[in-house]
């Protein structure tokens, strides 16, 4: 698994049990998820805003010509 470290390996006959520990905790993951969602939302608003300004600008050029 990506991002997990090998904590211990226990051999029980032919079976090998590998225990992995997470790199970040549950609440750290939630904070990252919320933070990245906010960043993506802000960037999306910026992109939509620039598209709307460009569209309005082209409409004005057509009517003024």
PDB file of N, CA and C in Angstrom:
ATOM      1  N   UNK A   1       0.838  -1.181   0.000  1.00  0.00           N
ATOM      2  CA  UNK A   1       0.000   0.000   0.000  1.00  0.00           C
ATOM      3  C   UNK A   1       0.878   1.238   0.000  1.00  0.00           C
ATOM      4  N   UNK A   2       0.556   2.214  -0.799  1.00  0.00           N
ATOM      5  CA  UNK A   2       1.335   3.434  -0.885  1.00  0.00           C
ATOM      6  C   UNK A   2       1.167   4.245   0.395  1.00  0.00           C
ATOM      7  N   UNK A   3       2.257   4.757   0.925  1.00  0.00           N
ATOM      8  CA  UNK A   3       2.197   5.614   2.089  1.00  0.00           C
ATOM      9  C   UNK A   3       2.139   4.880   3.411  1.00  0.00           C
ATOM     10  N   UNK A   4       2.260   3.588   3.410  1.00  0.00           N
ATOM     11  CA  UNK A   4       2.226   2.843   4.656  1.00  0.00           C
ATOM     12  C   UNK A   4       3.609   2.264   4.924  1.00  0.00           C
ATOM     13  N   UNK A   5       3.947   2.138   6.171  1.00  0.00           N
ATOM     14  CA  UNK A   5       5.234   1.565   6.529  1.00  0.00           C
ATOM     15  C   UNK A   5       5.028   0.202   7.148  1.00  0.00           C
ATOM     16  N   UNK A   6       6.014  -0.618   7.026  1.00  0.00           N
ATOM     17  CA  UNK A   6       5.950  -1.964   7.576  1.00  0.00           C
ATOM     18  C   UNK A   6       6.278  -1.892   9.058  1.00  0.00           C
ATOM     19  N   UNK A   7       5.296  -2.234   9.896  1.00  0.00           N
ATOM     20  CA  UNK A   7       5.501  -2.171  11.346  1.00  0.00           C
ATOM     21  C   UNK A   7       6.173  -3.442  11.852  1.00  0.00           C
ATOM     22  N   UNK A   8       5.612  -4.549  11.506  1.00  0.00           N
ATOM     23  CA  UNK A   8       6.215  -5.800  11.943  1.00  0.00           C
ATOM     24  C   UNK A   8       5.771  -6.936  11.032  1.00  0.00           C
ATOM     25  N   UNK A   9       6.577  -7.954  10.975  1.00  0.00           N
ATOM     26  CA  UNK A   9       6.270  -9.140  10.197  1.00  0.00           C
ATOM     27  C   UNK A   9       6.281 -10.330  11.144  1.00  0.00           C
ATOM     28  N   UNK A  10       5.159 -11.019  11.205  1.00  0.00           N
ATOM     29  CA  UNK A  10       5.039 -12.165  12.105  1.00  0.00           C
ATOM     30  C   UNK A  10       4.802 -13.395  11.244  1.00  0.00           C
ATOM     31  N   UNK A  11       5.667 -14.378  11.378  1.00  0.00           N
ATOM     32  CA  UNK A  11       5.511 -15.614  10.622  1.00  0.00           C
ATOM     33  C   UNK A  11       4.792 -16.644  11.482  1.00  0.00           C
ATOM     34  N   UNK A  12       3.739 -17.220  10.919  1.00  0.00           N
ATOM     35  CA  UNK A  12       2.964 -18.251  11.626  1.00  0.00           C
ATOM     36  C   UNK A  12       2.859 -19.448  10.698  1.00  0.00           C
ATOM     37  N   UNK A  13       3.847 -20.303  10.752  1.00  0.00           N
ATOM     38  CA  UNK A  13       3.871 -21.450   9.848  1.00  0.00           C
ATOM     39  C   UNK A  13       4.159 -20.967   8.436  1.00  0.00           C
ATOM     40  N   UNK A  14       3.229 -21.254   7.503  1.00  0.00           N
ATOM     41  CA  UNK A  14       3.392 -20.813   6.126  1.00  0.00           C
ATOM     42  C   UNK A  14       2.804 -19.425   5.887  1.00  0.00           C
ATOM     43  N   UNK A  15       1.979 -18.952   6.824  1.00  0.00           N
ATOM     44  CA  UNK A  15       1.325 -17.651   6.661  1.00  0.00           C
ATOM     45  C   UNK A  15       2.227 -16.534   7.196  1.00  0.00           C
ATOM     46  N   UNK A  16       2.250 -15.431   6.469  1.00  0.00           N
ATOM     47  CA  UNK A  16       3.000 -14.260   6.906  1.00  0.00           C
ATOM     48  C   UNK A  16       2.004 -13.131   7.098  1.00  0.00           C
ATOM     49  N   UNK A  17       1.987 -12.557   8.295  1.00  0.00           N
ATOM     50  CA  UNK A  17       1.071 -11.471   8.619  1.00  0.00           C
ATOM     51  C   UNK A  17       1.860 -10.166   8.631  1.00  0.00           C
ATOM     52  N   UNK A  18       1.481  -9.236   7.791  1.00  0.00           N
ATOM     53  CA  UNK A  18       2.147  -7.933   7.729  1.00  0.00           C
ATOM     54  C   UNK A  18       1.210  -6.877   8.275  1.00  0.00           C
ATOM     55  N   UNK A  19       1.674  -6.133   9.267  1.00  0.00           N
ATOM     56  CA  UNK A  19       0.882  -5.042   9.814  1.00  0.00           C
ATOM     57  C   UNK A  19       1.455  -3.727   9.319  1.00  0.00           C
ATOM     58  N   UNK A  20       0.587  -2.848   8.820  1.00  0.00           N
ATOM     59  CA  UNK A  20       1.010  -1.559   8.298  1.00  0.00           C
ATOM     60  C   UNK A  20       0.432  -0.447   9.161  1.00  0.00           C
ATOM     61  N   UNK A  21       1.209   0.606   9.331  1.00  0.00           N
ATOM     62  CA  UNK A  21       0.717   1.762  10.075  1.00  0.00           C
ATOM     63  C   UNK A  21       0.537   2.916   9.105  1.00  0.00           C
ATOM     64  N   UNK A  22      -0.509   3.705   9.254  1.00  0.00           N
ATOM     65  CA  UNK A  22      -0.733   4.831   8.356  1.00  0.00           C
ATOM     66  C   UNK A  22       0.308   5.936   8.561  1.00  0.00           C
ATOM     67  N   UNK A  23       0.580   6.675   7.485  1.00  0.00           N
ATOM     68  CA  UNK A  23       1.549   7.757   7.544  1.00  0.00           C
ATOM     69  C   UNK A  23       0.954   8.955   8.278  1.00  0.00           C
ATOM     70  N   UNK A  24      -0.317   9.279   7.994  1.00  0.00           N
ATOM     71  CA  UNK A  24      -0.987  10.369   8.703  1.00  0.00           C
ATOM     72  C   UNK A  24      -2.223   9.816   9.390  1.00  0.00           C
ATOM     73  N   UNK A  25      -2.682  10.511  10.400  1.00  0.00           N
ATOM     74  CA  UNK A  25      -3.842  10.063  11.145  1.00  0.00           C
ATOM     75  C   UNK A  25      -5.142  10.386  10.433  1.00  0.00           C
ATOM     76  N   UNK A  26      -6.234   9.904  11.006  1.00  0.00           N
ATOM     77  CA  UNK A  26      -7.559  10.100  10.430  1.00  0.00           C
ATOM     78  C   UNK A  26      -7.906  11.580  10.344  1.00  0.00           C
ATOM     79  N   UNK A  27      -7.709  12.309  11.444  1.00  0.00           N
ATOM     80  CA  UNK A  27      -8.090  13.727  11.460  1.00  0.00           C
ATOM     81  C   UNK A  27      -7.175  14.565  10.578  1.00  0.00           C
ATOM     82  N   UNK A  28      -5.920  14.190  10.457  1.00  0.00           N
ATOM     83  CA  UNK A  28      -5.026  14.888   9.529  1.00  0.00           C
ATOM     84  C   UNK A  28      -5.518  14.695   8.097  1.00  0.00           C
ATOM     85  N   UNK A  29      -5.985  13.509   7.788  1.00  0.00           N
ATOM     86  CA  UNK A  29      -6.533  13.238   6.455  1.00  0.00           C
ATOM     87  C   UNK A  29      -7.779  14.065   6.178  1.00  0.00           C
ATOM     88  N   UNK A  30      -8.632  14.198   7.192  1.00  0.00           N
ATOM     89  CA  UNK A  30      -9.841  15.011   7.034  1.00  0.00           C
ATOM     90  C   UNK A  30      -9.472  16.474   6.798  1.00  0.00           C
ATOM     91  N   UNK A  31      -8.498  16.981   7.564  1.00  0.00           N
ATOM     92  CA  UNK A  31      -8.054  18.375   7.395  1.00  0.00           C
ATOM     93  C   UNK A  31      -7.491  18.593   6.000  1.00  0.00           C
ATOM     94  N   UNK A  32      -6.675  17.676   5.509  1.00  0.00           N
ATOM     95  CA  UNK A  32      -6.126  17.786   4.155  1.00  0.00           C
ATOM     96  C   UNK A  32      -7.240  17.748   3.105  1.00  0.00           C
ATOM     97  N   UNK A  33      -8.202  16.869   3.295  1.00  0.00           N
ATOM     98  CA  UNK A  33      -9.311  16.761   2.356  1.00  0.00           C
ATOM     99  C   UNK A  33     -10.099  18.064   2.279  1.00  0.00           C
ATOM    100  N   UNK A  34     -10.420  18.631   3.441  1.00  0.00           N
ATOM    101  CA  UNK A  34     -11.161  19.893   3.477  1.00  0.00           C
ATOM    102  C   UNK A  34     -10.328  21.027   2.874  1.00  0.00           C
ATOM    103  N   UNK A  35      -9.053  21.071   3.216  1.00  0.00           N
ATOM    104  CA  UNK A  35      -8.170  22.114   2.687  1.00  0.00           C
ATOM    105  C   UNK A  35      -8.031  22.054   1.175  1.00  0.00           C
ATOM    106  N   UNK A  36      -7.800  20.873   0.648  1.00  0.00           N
ATOM    107  CA  UNK A  36      -7.646  20.738  -0.802  1.00  0.00           C
ATOM    108  C   UNK A  36      -8.958  21.014  -1.531  1.00  0.00           C
ATOM    109  N   UNK A  37     -10.094  20.657  -0.914  1.00  0.00           N
ATOM    110  CA  UNK A  37     -11.389  20.964  -1.504  1.00  0.00           C
ATOM    111  C   UNK A  37     -11.585  22.466  -1.591  1.00  0.00           C
ATOM    112  N   UNK A  38     -11.190  23.192  -0.548  1.00  0.00           N
ATOM    113  CA  UNK A  38     -11.309  24.655  -0.550  1.00  0.00           C
ATOM    114  C   UNK A  38     -10.407  25.278  -1.616  1.00  0.00           C
ATOM    115  N   UNK A  39      -9.196  24.791  -1.745  1.00  0.00           N
ATOM    116  CA  UNK A  39      -8.271  25.320  -2.757  1.00  0.00           C
ATOM    117  C   UNK A  39      -8.831  25.090  -4.155  1.00  0.00           C
ATOM    118  N   UNK A  40      -9.333  23.901  -4.422  1.00  0.00           N
ATOM    119  CA  UNK A  40      -9.891  23.587  -5.740  1.00  0.00           C
ATOM    120  C   UNK A  40     -11.119  24.445  -6.009  1.00  0.00           C
ATOM    121  N   UNK A  41     -11.957  24.675  -5.001  1.00  0.00           N
ATOM    122  CA  UNK A  41     -13.142  25.516  -5.178  1.00  0.00           C
ATOM    123  C   UNK A  41     -12.740  26.950  -5.522  1.00  0.00           C
ATOM    124  N   UNK A  42     -11.741  27.487  -4.837  1.00  0.00           N
ATOM    125  CA  UNK A  42     -11.285  28.849  -5.129  1.00  0.00           C
ATOM    126  C   UNK A  42     -10.700  28.961  -6.531  1.00  0.00           C
ATOM    127  N   UNK A  43      -9.887  27.999  -6.918  1.00  0.00           N
ATOM    128  CA  UNK A  43      -9.310  28.021  -8.264  1.00  0.00           C
ATOM    129  C   UNK A  43     -10.386  27.872  -9.338  1.00  0.00           C
ATOM    130  N   UNK A  44     -11.398  27.065  -9.074  1.00  0.00           N
ATOM    131  CA  UNK A  44     -12.494  26.896 -10.027  1.00  0.00           C
ATOM    132  C   UNK A  44     -13.258  28.207 -10.206  1.00  0.00           C
ATOM    133  N   UNK A  45     -13.506  28.903  -9.101  1.00  0.00           N
ATOM    134  CA  UNK A  45     -14.188  30.200  -9.183  1.00  0.00           C
ATOM    135  C   UNK A  45     -13.366  31.193  -9.997  1.00  0.00           C
ATOM    136  N   UNK A  46     -12.058  31.179  -9.823  1.00  0.00           N
ATOM    137  CA  UNK A  46     -11.178  32.065 -10.587  1.00  0.00           C
ATOM    138  C   UNK A  46     -11.267  31.774 -12.082  1.00  0.00           C
ATOM    139  N   UNK A  47     -11.212  30.495 -12.434  1.00  0.00           N
ATOM    140  CA  UNK A  47     -11.279  30.110 -13.850  1.00  0.00           C
ATOM    141  C   UNK A  47     -12.619  30.509 -14.451  1.00  0.00           C
ATOM    142  N   UNK A  48     -13.708  30.239 -13.752  1.00  0.00           N
ATOM    143  CA  UNK A  48     -15.039  30.604 -14.257  1.00  0.00           C
ATOM    144  C   UNK A  48     -15.145  32.112 -14.408  1.00  0.00           C
ATOM    145  N   UNK A  49     -14.595  32.859 -13.450  1.00  0.00           N
ATOM    146  CA  UNK A  49     -14.618  34.315 -13.533  1.00  0.00           C
ATOM    147  C   UNK A  49     -13.874  34.836 -14.749  1.00  0.00           C
ATOM    148  N   UNK A  50     -12.711  34.279 -15.043  1.00  0.00           N
ATOM    149  CA  UNK A  50     -11.962  34.738 -16.209  1.00  0.00           C
ATOM    150  C   UNK A  50     -12.674  34.377 -17.509  1.00  0.00           C
ATOM    151  N   UNK A  51     -13.335  33.239 -17.546  1.00  0.00           N
ATOM    152  CA  UNK A  51     -14.092  32.852 -18.743  1.00  0.00           C
ATOM    153  C   UNK A  51     -15.260  33.806 -18.958  1.00  0.00           C
ATOM    154  N   UNK A  52     -15.959  34.163 -17.873  1.00  0.00           N
ATOM    155  CA  UNK A  52     -17.093  35.086 -17.995  1.00  0.00           C
ATOM    156  C   UNK A  52     -16.648  36.461 -18.466  1.00  0.00           C
ATOM    157  N   UNK A  53     -15.516  36.950 -17.963  1.00  0.00           N
ATOM    158  CA  UNK A  53     -15.000  38.255 -18.380  1.00  0.00           C
ATOM    159  C   UNK A  53     -14.618  38.218 -19.855  1.00  0.00           C
ATOM    160  N   UNK A  54     -13.986  37.155 -20.282  1.00  0.00           N
ATOM    161  CA  UNK A  54     -13.588  37.020 -21.687  1.00  0.00           C
ATOM    162  C   UNK A  54     -14.824  36.964 -22.586  1.00  0.00           C
ATOM    163  N   UNK A  55     -15.837  36.247 -22.165  1.00  0.00           N
ATOM    164  CA  UNK A  55     -17.072  36.140 -22.941  1.00  0.00           C
ATOM    165  C   UNK A  55     -17.741  37.507 -23.050  1.00  0.00           C
ATOM    166  N   UNK A  56     -17.843  38.222 -21.936  1.00  0.00           N
ATOM    167  CA  UNK A  56     -18.448  39.555 -21.935  1.00  0.00           C
ATOM    168  C   UNK A  56     -17.648  40.512 -22.816  1.00  0.00           C
ATOM    169  N   UNK A  57     -16.351  40.415 -22.752  1.00  0.00           N
ATOM    170  CA  UNK A  57     -15.488  41.264 -23.569  1.00  0.00           C
ATOM    171  C   UNK A  57     -15.716  41.010 -25.071  1.00  0.00           C
ATOM    172  N   UNK A  58     -15.850  39.749 -25.452  1.00  0.00           N
ATOM    173  CA  UNK A  58     -16.058  39.448 -26.876  1.00  0.00           C
ATOM    174  C   UNK A  58     -17.430  39.894 -27.335  1.00  0.00           C
ATOM    175  N   UNK A  59     -18.440  39.812 -26.467  1.00  0.00           N
ATOM    176  CA  UNK A  59     -19.793  40.273 -26.830  1.00  0.00           C
ATOM    177  C   UNK A  59     -19.784  41.789 -27.024  1.00  0.00           C
ATOM    178  N   UNK A  60     -19.092  42.507 -26.145  1.00  0.00           N
ATOM    179  CA  UNK A  60     -19.007  43.970 -26.270  1.00  0.00           C
ATOM    180  C   UNK A  60     -18.290  44.383 -27.550  1.00  0.00           C
ATOM    181  N   UNK A  61     -17.248  43.665 -27.921  1.00  0.00           N
ATOM    182  CA  UNK A  61     -16.510  43.974 -29.153  1.00  0.00           C
ATOM    183  C   UNK A  61     -17.411  43.788 -30.373  1.00  0.00           C
ATOM    184  N   UNK A  62     -18.246  42.760 -30.362  1.00  0.00           N
ATOM    185  CA  UNK A  62     -19.151  42.514 -31.496  1.00  0.00           C
ATOM    186  C   UNK A  62     -20.184  43.629 -31.632  1.00  0.00           C
ATOM    187  N   UNK A  63     -20.730  44.106 -30.519  1.00  0.00           N
ATOM    188  CA  UNK A  63     -21.752  45.128 -30.563  1.00  0.00           C
ATOM    189  C   UNK A  63     -21.193  46.521 -30.844  1.00  0.00           C
ATOM    190  N   UNK A  64     -19.957  46.765 -30.459  1.00  0.00           N
ATOM    191  CA  UNK A  64     -19.354  48.086 -30.660  1.00  0.00           C
ATOM    192  C   UNK A  64     -18.773  48.238 -32.064  1.00  0.00           C
ATOM    193  N   UNK A  65     -18.576  47.153 -32.772  1.00  0.00           N
ATOM    194  CA  UNK A  65     -17.971  47.237 -34.118  1.00  0.00           C
ATOM    195  C   UNK A  65     -18.969  47.537 -35.175  1.00  0.00           C
TER     196      UNK A  65
END
